[in-house]
């Protein structure tokens, strides 16, 4: 299938989930994150969920990272140039909900993309070789192209992979792993 069709299909699938189901599946995904060999790193980029879109509750992963005394890095979207700025989460971080419904830091200590060790990526769908489908804004593709080659890219999905995404381009950056409630896929 093509990205456009996958976007619509998986938005519908996700929207059909109830709140308890989203909570339980998010919990399973967070527990699967613990099994990855990624916890020797320092800087973990994590998104806040768009709750009205039934996104994975990544706050559980943030709690794990903080429990391991590692740095949580949160994105702030610049809607004017479709880029992201990354800020270190601290006790004094203030948040505001943006036009897309995402809670994000207002300002703070900026972390450059090449300083990110692990990036957790929101997605709608993915395929069996590590390509992903997001909302189509390209924010994560632009972020990931600036990360170091050693950066570990981890997608999070409620659903199993498609066999193949048909319209992959050179700007699409593959993930190293994708975690679903039932399985961890390694690419």
Protein backbone atom coordinates (compact mmCIF):
# COMPACT_ATOMS: atom_id res chain seq x y z
CA UNK A 1 0.00 0.00 0.00
CA UNK A 2 0.98 3.63 -0.42
CA UNK A 3 1.62 6.01 2.49
CA UNK A 4 -1.57 8.00 1.95
CA UNK A 5 -3.73 4.87 2.13
CA UNK A 6 -1.82 3.50 5.13
CA UNK A 7 -2.23 6.83 6.94
CA UNK A 8 -5.98 6.70 6.59
CA UNK A 9 -6.27 2.99 7.41
CA UNK A 10 -4.19 3.21 10.58
CA UNK A 11 -5.73 6.47 11.78
CA UNK A 12 -9.09 4.70 11.57
CA UNK A 13 -7.74 1.61 13.36
CA UNK A 14 -6.24 3.72 16.12
CA UNK A 15 -9.38 5.84 16.48
CA UNK A 16 -11.40 2.67 17.02
CA UNK A 17 -9.42 1.88 20.19
CA UNK A 18 -10.96 2.74 23.55
CA UNK A 19 -9.06 4.64 26.25
CA UNK A 20 -8.51 1.52 28.38
CA UNK A 21 -7.20 -0.33 25.34
CA UNK A 22 -4.78 2.53 24.50
CA UNK A 23 -3.59 2.54 28.13
CA UNK A 24 -3.04 -1.24 28.21
CA UNK A 25 -1.30 -1.38 24.83
CA UNK A 26 0.90 1.59 25.78
CA UNK A 27 1.88 -0.19 28.98
CA UNK A 28 2.85 -3.32 27.00
CA UNK A 29 4.97 -1.22 24.62
CA UNK A 30 6.72 0.54 27.50
CA UNK A 31 7.57 -2.82 29.07
CA UNK A 32 8.99 -4.07 25.76
CA UNK A 33 11.27 -1.00 25.67
CA UNK A 34 12.95 -2.35 28.80
CA UNK A 35 14.14 -5.41 26.87
CA UNK A 36 16.16 -3.41 24.32
CA UNK A 37 19.90 -3.00 24.75
CA UNK A 38 19.74 0.81 24.72
CA UNK A 39 20.05 1.78 28.37
CA UNK A 40 23.78 2.60 28.42
CA UNK A 41 23.08 5.79 26.49
CA UNK A 42 22.41 9.25 27.95
CA UNK A 43 20.09 11.30 25.70
CA UNK A 44 16.63 9.88 24.83
CA UNK A 45 14.34 11.89 22.55
CA UNK A 46 10.67 11.13 23.28
CA UNK A 47 7.50 12.70 21.93
CA UNK A 48 4.47 13.64 24.01
CA UNK A 49 1.32 11.93 22.71
CA UNK A 50 -1.49 13.67 20.88
CA UNK A 51 -4.11 12.24 23.18
CA UNK A 52 -7.12 13.08 21.01
CA UNK A 53 -5.45 11.02 18.24
CA UNK A 54 -5.12 7.92 20.47
CA UNK A 55 -1.33 8.00 20.23
CA UNK A 56 0.79 5.74 22.38
CA UNK A 57 1.16 7.09 25.91
CA UNK A 58 4.88 7.82 25.76
CA UNK A 59 4.80 9.29 29.27
CA UNK A 60 5.33 5.73 30.52
CA UNK A 61 8.60 5.56 28.55
CA UNK A 62 9.60 8.96 29.94
CA UNK A 63 9.13 7.54 33.46
CA UNK A 64 11.39 4.61 32.58
CA UNK A 65 14.09 6.91 31.24
CA UNK A 66 13.92 9.13 34.31
CA UNK A 67 13.98 6.05 36.56
CA UNK A 68 17.26 5.06 34.92
CA UNK A 69 18.62 8.57 35.62
CA UNK A 70 19.00 9.39 31.93
CA UNK A 71 18.20 12.59 30.00
CA UNK A 72 14.73 13.00 28.50
CA UNK A 73 14.75 15.24 25.44
CA UNK A 74 11.43 16.61 24.17
CA UNK A 75 10.67 18.12 20.76
CA UNK A 76 9.16 21.49 20.00
CA UNK A 77 7.79 21.89 16.50
CA UNK A 78 8.44 25.04 14.50
CA UNK A 79 5.38 25.22 12.24
CA UNK A 80 6.90 28.03 10.15
CA UNK A 81 9.76 25.93 8.74
CA UNK A 82 8.55 22.41 9.68
CA UNK A 83 11.55 21.74 11.88
CA UNK A 84 12.02 20.52 15.44
CA UNK A 85 14.03 21.96 18.31
CA UNK A 86 14.93 19.56 21.12
CA UNK A 87 14.90 20.56 24.79
CA UNK A 88 16.16 18.79 27.88
CA UNK A 89 13.34 18.01 30.30
CA UNK A 90 14.10 19.54 33.71
CA UNK A 91 12.09 20.27 36.84
CA UNK A 92 11.63 23.85 35.58
CA UNK A 93 10.44 22.98 32.05
CA UNK A 94 7.21 24.79 31.19
CA UNK A 95 4.80 23.42 28.59
CA UNK A 96 2.23 24.76 26.15
CA UNK A 97 -0.12 22.85 23.83
CA UNK A 98 0.61 23.76 20.20
CA UNK A 99 -1.84 24.09 17.29
CA UNK A 100 -1.52 20.37 16.56
CA UNK A 101 -2.62 19.45 20.08
CA UNK A 102 0.87 18.45 21.24
CA UNK A 103 2.16 19.50 24.64
CA UNK A 104 5.68 20.81 24.12
CA UNK A 105 8.35 22.73 26.04
CA UNK A 106 8.18 26.50 25.74
CA UNK A 107 11.98 26.84 25.98
CA UNK A 108 14.91 25.41 27.87
CA UNK A 109 18.31 23.84 27.36
CA UNK A 110 18.58 23.04 23.67
CA UNK A 111 20.02 19.68 22.65
CA UNK A 112 21.34 19.38 19.09
CA UNK A 113 20.18 16.42 16.96
CA UNK A 114 23.70 14.97 16.78
CA UNK A 115 23.65 14.69 20.61
CA UNK A 116 20.64 12.34 20.59
CA UNK A 117 21.53 8.73 21.35
CA UNK A 118 18.04 7.21 21.04
CA UNK A 119 14.96 8.61 19.28
CA UNK A 120 11.51 7.17 19.97
CA UNK A 121 9.38 7.86 16.91
CA UNK A 122 5.60 8.14 16.72
CA UNK A 123 4.17 6.45 13.65
CA UNK A 124 0.95 5.24 12.12
CA UNK A 125 2.32 2.21 10.28
CA UNK A 126 5.58 0.49 9.35
CA UNK A 127 6.77 -2.32 7.13
CA UNK A 128 8.82 -5.46 7.66
CA UNK A 129 12.10 -3.84 6.64
CA UNK A 130 11.91 -0.77 8.89
CA UNK A 131 10.26 1.96 6.86
CA UNK A 132 7.58 3.97 8.61
CA UNK A 133 4.54 6.09 7.90
CA UNK A 134 3.88 9.13 10.08
CA UNK A 135 1.41 11.94 9.65
CA UNK A 136 3.19 13.21 6.54
CA UNK A 137 4.77 16.41 7.87
CA UNK A 138 8.33 15.06 7.55
CA UNK A 139 9.36 16.38 10.98
CA UNK A 140 11.05 13.15 12.03
CA UNK A 141 12.73 12.60 8.65
CA UNK A 142 14.32 16.05 8.92
CA UNK A 143 15.34 15.41 12.54
CA UNK A 144 16.78 11.95 11.88
CA UNK A 145 18.90 13.11 8.94
CA UNK A 146 20.71 15.45 11.38
CA UNK A 147 21.32 12.74 14.00
CA UNK A 148 24.60 10.86 14.21
CA UNK A 149 24.90 7.56 12.35
CA UNK A 150 25.02 5.81 15.75
CA UNK A 151 21.65 7.17 16.86
CA UNK A 152 19.17 4.36 17.58
CA UNK A 153 15.79 4.94 15.95
CA UNK A 154 12.84 3.17 17.59
CA UNK A 155 9.30 3.32 16.22
CA UNK A 156 6.29 2.70 18.44
CA UNK A 157 3.12 1.17 17.02
CA UNK A 158 -0.04 -0.45 18.31
CA UNK A 159 -0.20 -2.60 15.18
CA UNK A 160 1.87 -5.22 13.36
CA UNK A 161 3.80 -4.29 10.19
CA UNK A 162 2.65 -4.19 6.62
CA UNK A 163 4.65 -6.32 4.19
CA UNK A 164 5.88 -3.31 2.23
CA UNK A 165 5.28 0.41 1.88
CA UNK A 166 5.18 1.08 -1.85
CA UNK A 167 6.19 4.72 -2.17
CA UNK A 168 9.37 4.97 -0.08
CA UNK A 169 11.73 7.80 -1.09
CA UNK A 170 15.42 8.53 -0.45
CA UNK A 171 14.46 10.97 2.32
CA UNK A 172 12.70 8.21 4.30
CA UNK A 173 15.01 7.05 7.08
CA UNK A 174 14.64 3.49 8.31
CA UNK A 175 14.25 2.58 11.96
CA UNK A 176 16.55 0.25 13.88
CA UNK A 177 13.64 -1.22 15.87
CA UNK A 178 9.89 -1.00 16.10
CA UNK A 179 7.99 -2.00 19.19
CA UNK A 180 4.40 -3.21 19.21
CA UNK A 181 2.48 -4.54 22.21
CA UNK A 182 3.27 -8.11 21.16
CA UNK A 183 6.68 -7.97 19.48
CA UNK A 184 9.94 -6.11 19.00
CA UNK A 185 11.06 -5.90 15.37
CA UNK A 186 14.76 -5.44 14.63
CA UNK A 187 15.93 -4.08 11.29
